[in-house]
Amino acid sequence: MSAPRAIVRHVRWTLAPNQEPDAEPQTYTMLCVVCGESSAAAEEWDAPQGWALSHSGRKPSHRTYRELTTRPWRTWMNS
């Protein structure tokens, strides 16, 4: 009976934003820090910005927001 054998190879990987044609789109969302409500995710900045301004108009004490950007990333082995 022979002992188990393994081959281990160390490789370097690269991590970068995914700009392939089939990559998911980058999206933007605004989150109200006061109440936790948020805009819908959008590929353009206008809709989340408009949501934040409207939200502050409806709730004047809600003036602190967090921008959430979702950017697709990918990895690959270096040759």
Protein backbone atom coordinates (compact mmCIF):
# COMPACT_ATOMS: atom_id res chain seq x y z
CA MET A 1 0.00 0.00 0.00
CA SER A 2 1.40 3.43 -0.89
CA ALA A 3 1.07 6.57 1.19
CA PRO A 4 -1.12 9.45 -0.04
CA ARG A 5 0.73 12.04 -2.07
CA ALA A 6 -0.02 15.67 -2.76
CA ILE A 7 1.45 18.32 -4.98
CA VAL A 8 1.26 21.83 -3.63
CA ARG A 9 2.04 24.78 -5.86
CA HIS A 10 2.17 28.31 -4.56
CA VAL A 11 0.92 30.91 -7.03
CA ARG A 12 0.32 34.62 -6.86
CA TRP A 13 -3.17 35.93 -7.41
CA THR A 14 -4.36 39.29 -8.63
CA LEU A 15 -7.54 41.00 -7.38
CA ALA A 16 -8.98 43.88 -9.41
CA PRO A 17 -12.31 45.51 -10.29
CA ASN A 18 -14.19 43.35 -12.79
CA GLN A 19 -14.34 45.22 -16.09
CA GLU A 20 -15.22 42.21 -18.22
CA PRO A 21 -18.20 42.67 -20.59
CA ASP A 22 -20.32 40.27 -18.50
CA ALA A 23 -19.46 41.88 -15.14
CA GLU A 24 -22.27 42.98 -12.86
CA PRO A 25 -22.78 46.75 -12.92
CA GLN A 26 -21.41 49.03 -10.23
CA THR A 27 -24.30 50.36 -8.13
CA TYR A 28 -24.87 53.17 -5.66
CA THR A 29 -27.17 53.33 -2.64
CA MET A 30 -27.70 56.00 0.01
CA LEU A 31 -28.40 54.88 3.57
CA CYS A 32 -29.91 57.16 6.21
CA VAL A 33 -27.73 56.74 9.30
CA VAL A 34 -30.51 58.02 11.58
CA CYS A 35 -33.25 55.51 10.72
CA GLY A 36 -31.59 52.89 8.52
CA GLU A 37 -33.83 53.43 5.50
CA SER A 38 -32.08 53.36 2.15
CA SER A 39 -32.58 54.17 -1.49
CA ALA A 40 -32.86 51.48 -4.11
CA ALA A 41 -29.56 50.48 -5.70
CA ALA A 42 -28.97 52.26 -9.00
CA GLU A 43 -26.28 52.25 -11.67
CA GLU A 44 -26.31 56.06 -11.83
CA TRP A 45 -25.82 58.43 -8.90
CA ASP A 46 -28.87 60.65 -9.57
CA ALA A 47 -31.60 58.43 -8.09
CA PRO A 48 -29.89 57.69 -4.73
CA GLN A 49 -28.95 61.38 -4.38
CA GLY A 50 -32.54 62.41 -5.11
CA TRP A 51 -33.80 59.89 -2.58
CA ALA A 52 -31.54 61.33 0.15
CA LEU A 53 -32.70 64.89 -0.56
CA SER A 54 -36.37 63.81 -0.54
CA HIS A 55 -35.85 61.79 2.64
CA SER A 56 -34.35 64.82 4.41
CA GLY A 57 -37.27 66.91 3.14
CA ARG A 58 -39.76 64.46 4.69
CA LYS A 59 -37.72 64.03 7.88
CA PRO A 60 -35.71 67.23 8.50
CA SER A 61 -33.77 65.78 11.42
CA HIS A 62 -32.35 63.03 9.15
CA ARG A 63 -29.28 64.73 7.73
CA THR A 64 -26.57 62.06 7.94
CA TYR A 65 -26.14 59.51 5.15
CA ARG A 66 -23.77 56.78 4.14
CA GLU A 67 -22.98 56.05 0.51
CA LEU A 68 -22.85 52.33 -0.32
CA THR A 69 -21.04 51.48 -3.53
CA THR A 70 -21.17 47.94 -4.82
CA ARG A 71 -18.33 47.25 -7.24
CA PRO A 72 -17.78 43.81 -8.78
CA TRP A 73 -14.29 42.35 -8.39
CA ARG A 74 -12.54 39.34 -9.88
CA THR A 75 -9.42 37.29 -9.22
CA TRP A 76 -7.02 35.44 -11.49
CA MET A 77 -3.82 33.48 -11.14
CA ASN A 78 -0.69 35.19 -12.41
CA SER A 79 1.24 33.17 -14.96
